[in-house]
PDB file of N, CA and C in Angstrom:
ATOM      1  N   MET A   1      47.556   1.127   3.639  1.00  0.00           N
ATOM      2  CA  MET A   1      46.892   0.991   4.926  1.00  0.00           C
ATOM      3  C   MET A   1      45.489   1.571   4.867  1.00  0.00           C
ATOM      4  N   LYS A   2      45.351   2.733   4.240  1.00  0.00           N
ATOM      5  CA  LYS A   2      44.052   3.379   4.133  1.00  0.00           C
ATOM      6  C   LYS A   2      43.070   2.510   3.342  1.00  0.00           C
ATOM      7  N   VAL A   3      43.554   1.873   2.264  1.00  0.00           N
ATOM      8  CA  VAL A   3      42.713   0.999   1.447  1.00  0.00           C
ATOM      9  C   VAL A   3      42.279  -0.224   2.249  1.00  0.00           C
ATOM     10  N   LEU A   4      43.203  -0.820   2.996  1.00  0.00           N
ATOM     11  CA  LEU A   4      42.880  -1.986   3.818  1.00  0.00           C
ATOM     12  C   LEU A   4      41.830  -1.637   4.860  1.00  0.00           C
ATOM     13  N   LEU A   5      41.954  -0.484   5.496  1.00  0.00           N
ATOM     14  CA  LEU A   5      40.984  -0.043   6.503  1.00  0.00           C
ATOM     15  C   LEU A   5      39.618   0.152   5.864  1.00  0.00           C
ATOM     16  N   THR A   6      39.580   0.758   4.674  1.00  0.00           N
ATOM     17  CA  THR A   6      38.314   0.995   3.985  1.00  0.00           C
ATOM     18  C   THR A   6      37.643  -0.328   3.624  1.00  0.00           C
ATOM     19  N   VAL A   7      38.433  -1.283   3.100  1.00  0.00           N
ATOM     20  CA  VAL A   7      37.884  -2.594   2.750  1.00  0.00           C
ATOM     21  C   VAL A   7      37.387  -3.313   3.992  1.00  0.00           C
ATOM     22  N   THR A   8      38.138  -3.248   5.088  1.00  0.00           N
ATOM     23  CA  THR A   8      37.737  -3.891   6.339  1.00  0.00           C
ATOM     24  C   THR A   8      36.450  -3.281   6.880  1.00  0.00           C
ATOM     25  N   LEU A   9      36.337  -1.953   6.874  1.00  0.00           N
ATOM     26  CA  LEU A   9      35.120  -1.290   7.345  1.00  0.00           C
ATOM     27  C   LEU A   9      33.929  -1.631   6.456  1.00  0.00           C
ATOM     28  N   ALA A  10      34.145  -1.696   5.150  1.00  0.00           N
ATOM     29  CA  ALA A  10      33.053  -2.040   4.237  1.00  0.00           C
ATOM     30  C   ALA A  10      32.561  -3.462   4.505  1.00  0.00           C
ATOM     31  N   ALA A  11      33.480  -4.377   4.726  1.00  0.00           N
ATOM     32  CA  ALA A  11      33.094  -5.763   5.018  1.00  0.00           C
ATOM     33  C   ALA A  11      32.344  -5.843   6.339  1.00  0.00           C
ATOM     34  N   PHE A  12      32.815  -5.121   7.346  1.00  0.00           N
ATOM     35  CA  PHE A  12      32.163  -5.122   8.653  1.00  0.00           C
ATOM     36  C   PHE A  12      30.760  -4.531   8.547  1.00  0.00           C
ATOM     37  N   THR A  13      30.622  -3.405   7.830  1.00  0.00           N
ATOM     38  CA  THR A  13      29.320  -2.765   7.670  1.00  0.00           C
ATOM     39  C   THR A  13      28.360  -3.683   6.940  1.00  0.00           C
ATOM     40  N   SER A  14      28.829  -4.374   5.910  1.00  0.00           N
ATOM     41  CA  SER A  14      28.003  -5.306   5.156  1.00  0.00           C
ATOM     42  C   SER A  14      27.536  -6.459   6.038  1.00  0.00           C
ATOM     43  N   ALA A  15      28.437  -7.010   6.850  1.00  0.00           N
ATOM     44  CA  ALA A  15      28.080  -8.109   7.753  1.00  0.00           C
ATOM     45  C   ALA A  15      27.085  -7.646   8.796  1.00  0.00           C
ATOM     46  N   ALA A  16      27.276  -6.444   9.334  1.00  0.00           N
ATOM     47  CA  ALA A  16      26.359  -5.923  10.350  1.00  0.00           C
ATOM     48  C   ALA A  16      24.974  -5.701   9.757  1.00  0.00           C
ATOM     49  N   ALA A  17      24.909  -5.218   8.516  1.00  0.00           N
ATOM     50  CA  ALA A  17      23.610  -4.986   7.880  1.00  0.00           C
ATOM     51  C   ALA A  17      22.877  -6.301   7.648  1.00  0.00           C
ATOM     52  N   ALA A  18      23.611  -7.363   7.378  1.00  0.00           N
ATOM     53  CA  ALA A  18      22.996  -8.670   7.140  1.00  0.00           C
ATOM     54  C   ALA A  18      22.365  -9.230   8.410  1.00  0.00           C
ATOM     55  N   HIS A  19      22.764  -8.769   9.571  1.00  0.00           N
ATOM     56  CA  HIS A  19      22.256  -9.288  10.842  1.00  0.00           C
ATOM     57  C   HIS A  19      21.504  -8.226  11.627  1.00  0.00           C
ATOM     58  N   LYS A  20      20.863  -7.309  10.929  1.00  0.00           N
ATOM     59  CA  LYS A  20      20.117  -6.242  11.572  1.00  0.00           C
ATOM     60  C   LYS A  20      18.869  -6.799  12.260  1.00  0.00           C
ATOM     61  N   VAL A  21      18.681  -6.445  13.497  1.00  0.00           N
ATOM     62  CA  VAL A  21      17.517  -6.891  14.259  1.00  0.00           C
ATOM     63  C   VAL A  21      16.352  -5.935  13.994  1.00  0.00           C
ATOM     64  N   THR A  22      15.227  -6.484  13.569  1.00  0.00           N
ATOM     65  CA  THR A  22      14.017  -5.705  13.342  1.00  0.00           C
ATOM     66  C   THR A  22      13.110  -5.880  14.551  1.00  0.00           C
ATOM     67  N   THR A  23      12.690  -4.775  15.158  1.00  0.00           N
ATOM     68  CA  THR A  23      11.839  -4.863  16.350  1.00  0.00           C
ATOM     69  C   THR A  23      10.449  -4.259  16.125  1.00  0.00           C
ATOM     70  N   VAL A  24      10.149  -3.928  14.888  1.00  0.00           N
ATOM     71  CA  VAL A  24       8.849  -3.337  14.560  1.00  0.00           C
ATOM     72  C   VAL A  24       8.193  -4.194  13.482  1.00  0.00           C
ATOM     73  N   PHE A  25       6.916  -4.449  13.630  1.00  0.00           N
ATOM     74  CA  PHE A  25       6.189  -5.178  12.598  1.00  0.00           C
ATOM     75  C   PHE A  25       6.167  -4.343  11.318  1.00  0.00           C
ATOM     76  N   PRO A  26       6.093  -4.989  10.163  1.00  0.00           N
ATOM     77  CA  PRO A  26       6.028  -4.233   8.904  1.00  0.00           C
ATOM     78  C   PRO A  26       4.826  -3.293   8.908  1.00  0.00           C
ATOM     79  N   SER A  27       4.980  -2.165   8.255  1.00  0.00           N
ATOM     80  CA  SER A  27       3.893  -1.204   8.142  1.00  0.00           C
ATOM     81  C   SER A  27       2.688  -1.879   7.508  1.00  0.00           C
ATOM     82  N   GLY A  28       1.539  -1.723   8.117  1.00  0.00           N
ATOM     83  CA  GLY A  28       0.313  -2.326   7.594  1.00  0.00           C
ATOM     84  C   GLY A  28       0.026  -3.720   8.115  1.00  0.00           C
ATOM     85  N   ALA A  29       0.947  -4.303   8.900  1.00  0.00           N
ATOM     86  CA  ALA A  29       0.695  -5.621   9.492  1.00  0.00           C
ATOM     87  C   ALA A  29      -0.431  -5.490  10.506  1.00  0.00           C
ATOM     88  N   THR A  30      -1.374  -6.426  10.474  1.00  0.00           N
ATOM     89  CA  THR A  30      -2.563  -6.311  11.317  1.00  0.00           C
ATOM     90  C   THR A  30      -2.651  -7.435  12.338  1.00  0.00           C
ATOM     91  N   PRO A  31      -3.235  -7.129  13.497  1.00  0.00           N
ATOM     92  CA  PRO A  31      -3.460  -8.155  14.513  1.00  0.00           C
ATOM     93  C   PRO A  31      -4.486  -9.179  14.011  1.00  0.00           C
ATOM     94  N   LEU A  32      -4.481 -10.336  14.630  1.00  0.00           N
ATOM     95  CA  LEU A  32      -5.412 -11.408  14.276  1.00  0.00           C
ATOM     96  C   LEU A  32      -6.281 -11.757  15.479  1.00  0.00           C
ATOM     97  N   THR A  33      -7.527 -12.096  15.212  1.00  0.00           N
ATOM     98  CA  THR A  33      -8.376 -12.610  16.276  1.00  0.00           C
ATOM     99  C   THR A  33      -7.864 -13.998  16.650  1.00  0.00           C
ATOM    100  N   PRO A  34      -8.230 -14.505  17.823  1.00  0.00           N
ATOM    101  CA  PRO A  34      -7.803 -15.867  18.163  1.00  0.00           C
ATOM    102  C   PRO A  34      -8.202 -16.908  17.118  1.00  0.00           C
ATOM    103  N   ASP A  35      -9.422 -16.807  16.578  1.00  0.00           N
ATOM    104  CA  ASP A  35      -9.863 -17.772  15.562  1.00  0.00           C
ATOM    105  C   ASP A  35      -9.051 -17.651  14.276  1.00  0.00           C
ATOM    106  N   ALA A  36      -8.770 -16.416  13.843  1.00  0.00           N
ATOM    107  CA  ALA A  36      -7.986 -16.206  12.622  1.00  0.00           C
ATOM    108  C   ALA A  36      -6.546 -16.671  12.819  1.00  0.00           C
ATOM    109  N   LEU A  37      -6.000 -16.430  13.998  1.00  0.00           N
ATOM    110  CA  LEU A  37      -4.638 -16.868  14.294  1.00  0.00           C
ATOM    111  C   LEU A  37      -4.565 -18.388  14.289  1.00  0.00           C
ATOM    112  N   LYS A  38      -5.524 -19.017  14.937  1.00  0.00           N
ATOM    113  CA  LYS A  38      -5.551 -20.479  14.979  1.00  0.00           C
ATOM    114  C   LYS A  38      -5.636 -21.054  13.567  1.00  0.00           C
ATOM    115  N   SER A  39      -6.476 -20.465  12.745  1.00  0.00           N
ATOM    116  CA  SER A  39      -6.632 -20.923  11.366  1.00  0.00           C
ATOM    117  C   SER A  39      -5.337 -20.732  10.564  1.00  0.00           C
ATOM    118  N   ALA A  40      -4.604 -19.679  10.875  1.00  0.00           N
ATOM    119  CA  ALA A  40      -3.377 -19.363  10.132  1.00  0.00           C
ATOM    120  C   ALA A  40      -2.210 -20.281  10.466  1.00  0.00           C
ATOM    121  N   ILE A  41      -2.179 -20.844  11.686  1.00  0.00           N
ATOM    122  CA  ILE A  41      -1.003 -21.639  12.070  1.00  0.00           C
ATOM    123  C   ILE A  41      -1.288 -23.099  12.405  1.00  0.00           C
ATOM    124  N   GLU A  42      -2.520 -23.426  12.766  1.00  0.00           N
ATOM    125  CA  GLU A  42      -2.805 -24.791  13.206  1.00  0.00           C
ATOM    126  C   GLU A  42      -2.581 -25.806  12.097  1.00  0.00           C
ATOM    127  N   GLY A  43      -1.840 -26.864  12.436  1.00  0.00           N
ATOM    128  CA  GLY A  43      -1.558 -27.919  11.481  1.00  0.00           C
ATOM    129  C   GLY A  43      -0.473 -27.553  10.482  1.00  0.00           C
ATOM    130  N   LYS A  44       0.269 -26.480  10.771  1.00  0.00           N
ATOM    131  CA  LYS A  44       1.281 -26.006   9.821  1.00  0.00           C
ATOM    132  C   LYS A  44       2.663 -25.957  10.457  1.00  0.00           C
ATOM    133  N   GLU A  45       3.661 -25.980   9.578  1.00  0.00           N
ATOM    134  CA  GLU A  45       5.058 -25.878   9.991  1.00  0.00           C
ATOM    135  C   GLU A  45       5.676 -24.647   9.343  1.00  0.00           C
ATOM    136  N   PHE A  46       6.595 -24.010  10.078  1.00  0.00           N
ATOM    137  CA  PHE A  46       7.233 -22.785   9.613  1.00  0.00           C
ATOM    138  C   PHE A  46       8.722 -22.821   9.919  1.00  0.00           C
ATOM    139  N   THR A  47       9.460 -21.975   9.204  1.00  0.00           N
ATOM    140  CA  THR A  47      10.837 -21.683   9.580  1.00  0.00           C
ATOM    141  C   THR A  47      10.919 -20.184   9.825  1.00  0.00           C
ATOM    142  N   ALA A  48      11.895 -19.784  10.625  1.00  0.00           N
ATOM    143  CA  ALA A  48      12.151 -18.369  10.893  1.00  0.00           C
ATOM    144  C   ALA A  48      13.641 -18.218  11.163  1.00  0.00           C
ATOM    145  N   GLN A  49      14.215 -17.116  10.685  1.00  0.00           N
ATOM    146  CA  GLN A  49      15.637 -16.889  10.865  1.00  0.00           C
ATOM    147  C   GLN A  49      15.866 -15.665  11.753  1.00  0.00           C
ATOM    148  N   PRO A  50      16.308 -15.884  12.990  1.00  0.00           N
ATOM    149  CA  PRO A  50      16.638 -14.735  13.825  1.00  0.00           C
ATOM    150  C   PRO A  50      17.892 -14.034  13.285  1.00  0.00           C
ATOM    151  N   ALA A  51      18.093 -12.785  13.677  1.00  0.00           N
ATOM    152  CA  ALA A  51      19.268 -12.036  13.230  1.00  0.00           C
ATOM    153  C   ALA A  51      20.547 -12.722  13.691  1.00  0.00           C
ATOM    154  N   ASP A  52      20.490 -13.364  14.841  1.00  0.00           N
ATOM    155  CA  ASP A  52      21.666 -14.036  15.385  1.00  0.00           C
ATOM    156  C   ASP A  52      21.259 -15.441  15.822  1.00  0.00           C
ATOM    157  N   GLY A  53      21.965 -16.423  15.366  1.00  0.00           N
ATOM    158  CA  GLY A  53      21.677 -17.784  15.788  1.00  0.00           C
ATOM    159  C   GLY A  53      21.127 -18.636  14.668  1.00  0.00           C
ATOM    160  N   PRO A  54      20.853 -19.900  14.983  1.00  0.00           N
ATOM    161  CA  PRO A  54      20.390 -20.837  13.961  1.00  0.00           C
ATOM    162  C   PRO A  54      18.940 -20.604  13.549  1.00  0.00           C
ATOM    163  N   ARG A  55      18.611 -21.086  12.365  1.00  0.00           N
ATOM    164  CA  ARG A  55      17.236 -21.028  11.852  1.00  0.00           C
ATOM    165  C   ARG A  55      16.325 -21.842  12.766  1.00  0.00           C
ATOM    166  N   TRP A  56      15.112 -21.349  12.971  1.00  0.00           N
ATOM    167  CA  TRP A  56      14.118 -22.040  13.785  1.00  0.00           C
ATOM    168  C   TRP A  56      13.206 -22.859  12.879  1.00  0.00           C
ATOM    169  N   SER A  57      12.770 -23.993  13.380  1.00  0.00           N
ATOM    170  CA  SER A  57      11.735 -24.792  12.749  1.00  0.00           C
ATOM    171  C   SER A  57      10.615 -24.926  13.780  1.00  0.00           C
ATOM    172  N   LEU A  58       9.429 -24.468  13.423  1.00  0.00           N
ATOM    173  CA  LEU A  58       8.281 -24.457  14.345  1.00  0.00           C
ATOM    174  C   LEU A  58       7.126 -25.237  13.745  1.00  0.00           C
ATOM    175  N   ALA A  59       6.475 -26.043  14.546  1.00  0.00           N
ATOM    176  CA  ALA A  59       5.286 -26.777  14.101  1.00  0.00           C
ATOM    177  C   ALA A  59       4.192 -26.578  15.141  1.00  0.00           C
ATOM    178  N   TYR A  60       3.031 -26.132  14.670  1.00  0.00           N
ATOM    179  CA  TYR A  60       1.851 -25.945  15.537  1.00  0.00           C
ATOM    180  C   TYR A  60       0.836 -27.018  15.142  1.00  0.00           C
ATOM    181  N   ARG A  61       0.839 -28.123  15.845  1.00  0.00           N
ATOM    182  CA  ARG A  61       0.014 -29.283  15.514  1.00  0.00           C
ATOM    183  C   ARG A  61      -1.441 -29.075  15.927  1.00  0.00           C
ATOM    184  N   ARG A  62      -2.312 -29.799  15.258  1.00  0.00           N
ATOM    185  CA  ARG A  62      -3.722 -29.826  15.665  1.00  0.00           C
ATOM    186  C   ARG A  62      -3.784 -30.447  17.050  1.00  0.00           C
ATOM    187  N   GLY A  63      -4.709 -30.005  17.842  1.00  0.00           N
ATOM    188  CA  GLY A  63      -4.821 -30.529  19.193  1.00  0.00           C
ATOM    189  C   GLY A  63      -3.964 -29.766  20.195  1.00  0.00           C
ATOM    190  N   GLY A  64      -3.320 -28.673  19.752  1.00  0.00           N
ATOM    191  CA  GLY A  64      -2.607 -27.804  20.678  1.00  0.00           C
ATOM    192  C   GLY A  64      -1.195 -28.213  21.044  1.00  0.00           C
ATOM    193  N   LYS A  65      -0.548 -29.061  20.263  1.00  0.00           N
ATOM    194  CA  LYS A  65       0.845 -29.451  20.529  1.00  0.00           C
ATOM    195  C   LYS A  65       1.764 -28.655  19.605  1.00  0.00           C
ATOM    196  N   PHE A  66       2.948 -28.282  20.109  1.00  0.00           N
ATOM    197  CA  PHE A  66       3.917 -27.588  19.277  1.00  0.00           C
ATOM    198  C   PHE A  66       5.297 -28.199  19.464  1.00  0.00           C
ATOM    199  N   THR A  67       6.147 -28.002  18.451  1.00  0.00           N
ATOM    200  CA  THR A  67       7.556 -28.369  18.547  1.00  0.00           C
ATOM    201  C   THR A  67       8.386 -27.220  18.009  1.00  0.00           C
ATOM    202  N   ILE A  68       9.585 -27.074  18.546  1.00  0.00           N
ATOM    203  CA  ILE A  68      10.546 -26.094  18.064  1.00  0.00           C
ATOM    204  C   ILE A  68      11.913 -26.750  18.004  1.00  0.00           C
ATOM    205  N   ASN A  69      12.631 -26.474  16.937  1.00  0.00           N
ATOM    206  CA  ASN A  69      14.010 -26.925  16.775  1.00  0.00           C
ATOM    207  C   ASN A  69      14.814 -25.724  16.295  1.00  0.00           C
ATOM    208  N   ALA A  70      15.936 -25.481  16.947  1.00  0.00           N
ATOM    209  CA  ALA A  70      16.822 -24.377  16.570  1.00  0.00           C
ATOM    210  C   ALA A  70      18.246 -24.800  16.902  1.00  0.00           C
ATOM    211  N   GLY A  71      18.979 -25.218  15.885  1.00  0.00           N
ATOM    212  CA  GLY A  71      20.339 -25.702  16.129  1.00  0.00           C
ATOM    213  C   GLY A  71      20.302 -26.930  17.014  1.00  0.00           C
ATOM    214  N   ASP A  72      21.024 -26.885  18.131  1.00  0.00           N
ATOM    215  CA  ASP A  72      21.070 -28.014  19.070  1.00  0.00           C
ATOM    216  C   ASP A  72      19.903 -28.015  20.061  1.00  0.00           C
ATOM    217  N   PHE A  73      19.050 -26.983  20.013  1.00  0.00           N
ATOM    218  CA  PHE A  73      17.937 -26.869  20.959  1.00  0.00           C
ATOM    219  C   PHE A  73      16.658 -27.425  20.334  1.00  0.00           C
ATOM    220  N   SER A  74      15.911 -28.161  21.129  1.00  0.00           N
ATOM    221  CA  SER A  74      14.577 -28.590  20.705  1.00  0.00           C
ATOM    222  C   SER A  74      13.681 -28.668  21.936  1.00  0.00           C
ATOM    223  N   ASP A  75      12.398 -28.481  21.702  1.00  0.00           N
ATOM    224  CA  ASP A  75      11.423 -28.565  22.786  1.00  0.00           C
ATOM    225  C   ASP A  75      10.072 -28.887  22.178  1.00  0.00           C
ATOM    226  N   GLU A  76       9.160 -29.294  23.035  1.00  0.00           N
ATOM    227  CA  GLU A  76       7.785 -29.567  22.639  1.00  0.00           C
ATOM    228  C   GLU A  76       6.894 -29.251  23.813  1.00  0.00           C
ATOM    229  N   GLY A  77       5.637 -29.003  23.487  1.00  0.00           N
ATOM    230  CA  GLY A  77       4.695 -28.688  24.553  1.00  0.00           C
ATOM    231  C   GLY A  77       3.343 -28.319  23.980  1.00  0.00           C
ATOM    232  N   LYS A  78       2.664 -27.381  24.658  1.00  0.00           N
ATOM    233  CA  LYS A  78       1.313 -26.972  24.283  1.00  0.00           C
ATOM    234  C   LYS A  78       1.334 -25.567  23.698  1.00  0.00           C
ATOM    235  N   TRP A  79       0.414 -25.303  22.768  1.00  0.00           N
ATOM    236  CA  TRP A  79       0.246 -23.960  22.250  1.00  0.00           C
ATOM    237  C   TRP A  79      -1.235 -23.612  22.241  1.00  0.00           C
ATOM    238  N   SER A  80      -1.526 -22.308  22.269  1.00  0.00           N
ATOM    239  CA  SER A  80      -2.893 -21.824  22.156  1.00  0.00           C
ATOM    240  C   SER A  80      -2.878 -20.469  21.462  1.00  0.00           C
ATOM    241  N   ALA A  81      -4.007 -20.099  20.906  1.00  0.00           N
ATOM    242  CA  ALA A  81      -4.144 -18.829  20.206  1.00  0.00           C
ATOM    243  C   ALA A  81      -4.794 -17.813  21.127  1.00  0.00           C
ATOM    244  N   GLY A  82      -4.139 -16.665  21.278  1.00  0.00           N
ATOM    245  CA  GLY A  82      -4.693 -15.561  22.057  1.00  0.00           C
ATOM    246  C   GLY A  82      -5.087 -14.431  21.125  1.00  0.00           C
ATOM    247  N   GLU A  83      -5.312 -13.273  21.685  1.00  0.00           N
ATOM    248  CA  GLU A  83      -5.648 -12.087  20.891  1.00  0.00           C
ATOM    249  C   GLU A  83      -4.388 -11.608  20.184  1.00  0.00           C
ATOM    250  N   SER A  84      -4.235 -12.010  18.937  1.00  0.00           N
ATOM    251  CA  SER A  84      -3.066 -11.719  18.097  1.00  0.00           C
ATOM    252  C   SER A  84      -1.751 -12.127  18.751  1.00  0.00           C
ATOM    253  N   ALA A  85      -1.787 -13.248  19.468  1.00  0.00           N
ATOM    254  CA  ALA A  85      -0.575 -13.797  20.088  1.00  0.00           C
ATOM    255  C   ALA A  85      -0.685 -15.315  20.135  1.00  0.00           C
ATOM    256  N   VAL A  86       0.443 -15.973  19.894  1.00  0.00           N
ATOM    257  CA  VAL A  86       0.490 -17.415  20.055  1.00  0.00           C
ATOM    258  C   VAL A  86       1.192 -17.675  21.387  1.00  0.00           C
ATOM    259  N   CYS A  87       0.551 -18.469  22.228  1.00  0.00           N
ATOM    260  CA  CYS A  87       1.078 -18.752  23.558  1.00  0.00           C
ATOM    261  C   CYS A  87       1.581 -20.193  23.585  1.00  0.00           C
ATOM    262  N   THR A  88       2.772 -20.380  24.143  1.00  0.00           N
ATOM    263  CA  THR A  88       3.380 -21.706  24.200  1.00  0.00           C
ATOM    264  C   THR A  88       3.918 -21.987  25.597  1.00  0.00           C
ATOM    265  N   GLU A  89       3.938 -23.262  25.926  1.00  0.00           N
ATOM    266  CA  GLU A  89       4.583 -23.720  27.154  1.00  0.00           C
ATOM    267  C   GLU A  89       5.190 -25.084  26.845  1.00  0.00           C
ATOM    268  N   GLY A  90       6.513 -25.150  26.906  1.00  0.00           N
ATOM    269  CA  GLY A  90       7.198 -26.388  26.585  1.00  0.00           C
ATOM    270  C   GLY A  90       7.688 -27.101  27.823  1.00  0.00           C
ATOM    271  N   LYS A  91       8.397 -28.184  27.587  1.00  0.00           N
ATOM    272  CA  LYS A  91       9.024 -28.907  28.688  1.00  0.00           C
ATOM    273  C   LYS A  91      10.219 -28.119  29.215  1.00  0.00           C
ATOM    274  N   LYS A  92      10.873 -27.364  28.311  1.00  0.00           N
ATOM    275  CA  LYS A  92      12.017 -26.543  28.695  1.00  0.00           C
ATOM    276  C   LYS A  92      11.662 -25.056  28.731  1.00  0.00           C
ATOM    277  N   LEU A  93      10.852 -24.625  27.782  1.00  0.00           N
ATOM    278  CA  LEU A  93      10.465 -23.216  27.695  1.00  0.00           C
ATOM    279  C   LEU A  93       9.302 -22.924  28.630  1.00  0.00           C
ATOM    280  N   LYS A  94       9.410 -21.828  29.354  1.00  0.00           N
ATOM    281  CA  LYS A  94       8.325 -21.408  30.240  1.00  0.00           C
ATOM    282  C   LYS A  94       7.180 -20.827  29.412  1.00  0.00           C
ATOM    283  N   TYR A  95       6.016 -20.707  30.047  1.00  0.00           N
ATOM    284  CA  TYR A  95       4.837 -20.142  29.388  1.00  0.00           C
ATOM    285  C   TYR A  95       5.171 -18.750  28.866  1.00  0.00           C
ATOM    286  N   LEU A  96       4.808 -18.512  27.598  1.00  0.00           N
ATOM    287  CA  LEU A  96       5.126 -17.243  26.951  1.00  0.00           C
ATOM    288  C   LEU A  96       4.145 -17.002  25.816  1.00  0.00           C
ATOM    289  N   CYS A  97       3.732 -15.754  25.661  1.00  0.00           N
ATOM    290  CA  CYS A  97       2.897 -15.378  24.519  1.00  0.00           C
ATOM    291  C   CYS A  97       3.703 -14.438  23.627  1.00  0.00           C
ATOM    292  N   ASN A  98       3.727 -14.746  22.330  1.00  0.00           N
ATOM    293  CA  ASN A  98       4.437 -13.935  21.353  1.00  0.00           C
ATOM    294  C   ASN A  98       3.430 -13.274  20.425  1.00  0.00           C
ATOM    295  N   ALA A  99       3.554 -11.958  20.264  1.00  0.00           N
ATOM    296  CA  ALA A  99       2.669 -11.225  19.358  1.00  0.00           C
ATOM    297  C   ALA A  99       2.846 -11.750  17.943  1.00  0.00           C
ATOM    298  N   LEU A 100       1.746 -11.809  17.206  1.00  0.00           N
ATOM    299  CA  LEU A 100       1.765 -12.286  15.835  1.00  0.00           C
ATOM    300  C   LEU A 100       0.904 -11.349  14.992  1.00  0.00           C
ATOM    301  N   ARG A 101       1.398 -10.964  13.826  1.00  0.00           N
ATOM    302  CA  ARG A 101       0.667 -10.069  12.922  1.00  0.00           C
ATOM    303  C   ARG A 101       0.732 -10.641  11.516  1.00  0.00           C
ATOM    304  N   ALA A 102      -0.208 -10.202  10.673  1.00  0.00           N
ATOM    305  CA  ALA A 102      -0.267 -10.662   9.286  1.00  0.00           C
ATOM    306  C   ALA A 102      -0.231  -9.468   8.346  1.00  0.00           C
ATOM    307  N   LYS A 103       0.416  -9.689   7.183  1.00  0.00           N
ATOM    308  CA  LYS A 103       0.415  -8.679   6.124  1.00  0.00           C
ATOM    309  C   LYS A 103       0.591  -9.395   4.787  1.00  0.00           C
ATOM    310  N   ASP A 104      -0.325  -9.135   3.867  1.00  0.00           N
ATOM    311  CA  ASP A 104      -0.244  -9.690   2.510  1.00  0.00           C
ATOM    312  C   ASP A 104      -0.044 -11.206   2.521  1.00  0.00           C
ATOM    313  N   GLY A 105      -0.747 -11.899   3.393  1.00  0.00           N
ATOM    314  CA  GLY A 105      -0.659 -13.349   3.459  1.00  0.00           C
ATOM    315  C   GLY A 105       0.573 -13.882   4.169  1.00  0.00           C
ATOM    316  N   MET A 106       1.420 -12.984   4.692  1.00  0.00           N
ATOM    317  CA  MET A 106       2.618 -13.397   5.428  1.00  0.00           C
ATOM    318  C   MET A 106       2.384 -13.205   6.919  1.00  0.00           C
ATOM    319  N   LEU A 107       3.018 -14.056   7.735  1.00  0.00           N
ATOM    320  CA  LEU A 107       2.909 -13.972   9.189  1.00  0.00           C
ATOM    321  C   LEU A 107       4.230 -13.514   9.786  1.00  0.00           C
ATOM    322  N   PHE A 108       4.134 -12.696  10.819  1.00  0.00           N
ATOM    323  CA  PHE A 108       5.304 -12.183  11.519  1.00  0.00           C
ATOM    324  C   PHE A 108       5.119 -12.404  13.012  1.00  0.00           C
ATOM    325  N   ILE A 109       6.164 -12.886  13.670  1.00  0.00           N
ATOM    326  CA  ILE A 109       6.104 -13.173  15.100  1.00  0.00           C
ATOM    327  C   ILE A 109       7.157 -12.333  15.814  1.00  0.00           C
ATOM    328  N   GLN A 110       6.806 -11.848  17.006  1.00  0.00           N
ATOM    329  CA  GLN A 110       7.741 -11.055  17.798  1.00  0.00           C
ATOM    330  C   GLN A 110       8.266 -11.894  18.952  1.00  0.00           C
ATOM    331  N   ARG A 111       9.586 -12.037  18.991  1.00  0.00           N
ATOM    332  CA  ARG A 111      10.243 -12.807  20.042  1.00  0.00           C
ATOM    333  C   ARG A 111      10.192 -12.070  21.382  1.00  0.00           C
ATOM    334  N   LYS A 112      10.516 -12.778  22.430  1.00  0.00           N
ATOM    335  CA  LYS A 112      10.564 -12.206  23.780  1.00  0.00           C
ATOM    336  C   LYS A 112      11.513 -11.012  23.845  1.00  0.00           C
ATOM    337  N   ASP A 113      12.624 -11.068  23.075  1.00  0.00           N
ATOM    338  CA  ASP A 113      13.596  -9.967  23.086  1.00  0.00           C
ATOM    339  C   ASP A 113      13.171  -8.796  22.204  1.00  0.00           C
ATOM    340  N   GLY A 114      12.013  -8.904  21.551  1.00  0.00           N
ATOM    341  CA  GLY A 114      11.495  -7.820  20.722  1.00  0.00           C
ATOM    342  C   GLY A 114      11.732  -7.995  19.232  1.00  0.00           C
ATOM    343  N   GLU A 115      12.608  -8.903  18.848  1.00  0.00           N
ATOM    344  CA  GLU A 115      12.898  -9.103  17.428  1.00  0.00           C
ATOM    345  C   GLU A 115      11.665  -9.635  16.702  1.00  0.00           C
ATOM    346  N   VAL A 116      11.375  -9.069  15.545  1.00  0.00           N
ATOM    347  CA  VAL A 116      10.268  -9.511  14.711  1.00  0.00           C
ATOM    348  C   VAL A 116      10.837 -10.363  13.582  1.00  0.00           C
ATOM    349  N   MET A 117      10.269 -11.579  13.434  1.00  0.00           N
ATOM    350  CA  MET A 117      10.732 -12.506  12.400  1.00  0.00           C
ATOM    351  C   MET A 117       9.565 -12.910  11.493  1.00  0.00           C
ATOM    352  N   HIS A 118       9.875 -13.149  10.226  1.00  0.00           N
ATOM    353  CA  HIS A 118       8.898 -13.633   9.258  1.00  0.00           C
ATOM    354  C   HIS A 118       8.763 -15.139   9.436  1.00  0.00           C
ATOM    355  N   LEU A 119       7.548 -15.631   9.618  1.00  0.00           N
ATOM    356  CA  LEU A 119       7.287 -17.071   9.665  1.00  0.00           C
ATOM    357  C   LEU A 119       7.081 -17.556   8.235  1.00  0.00           C
ATOM    358  N   ILE A 120       7.986 -18.395   7.764  1.00  0.00           N
ATOM    359  CA  ILE A 120       7.934 -18.874   6.387  1.00  0.00           C
ATOM    360  C   ILE A 120       7.361 -20.290   6.381  1.00  0.00           C
ATOM    361  N   PRO A 121       6.233 -20.496   5.697  1.00  0.00           N
ATOM    362  CA  PRO A 121       5.649 -21.847   5.657  1.00  0.00           C
ATOM    363  C   PRO A 121       6.604 -22.841   5.011  1.00  0.00           C
ATOM    364  N   LYS A 122       6.629 -24.062   5.562  1.00  0.00           N
ATOM    365  CA  LYS A 122       7.459 -25.122   4.957  1.00  0.00           C
ATOM    366  C   LYS A 122       6.730 -25.737   3.794  1.00  0.00           C
TER     367      LYS A 122
END
């Protein structure tokens, strides 16, 4: 019984660690000016994996259009670059600005719930 409990706790701890929510940008991540942010994402597609839920697919098109797909959810609308934040308004999603930071050529976005995710170029 003791061995089974230890194995069960180890499996649970391992699973919990795999889904740890990060709410702080990596050390040394820097804010971007609106022009630098626009240059970093415009015309590009990214994926991001939240701690819980399906992988996101994000596209920031030239001309200010964006699309998002996450599991069974999808939306499209307008995006703009703010002071180190990307602002979006979709047909389903309300207007929202998400903080964005860069470090070593990588981009990180902070969700409304505070979770920080790595934006991985497609």
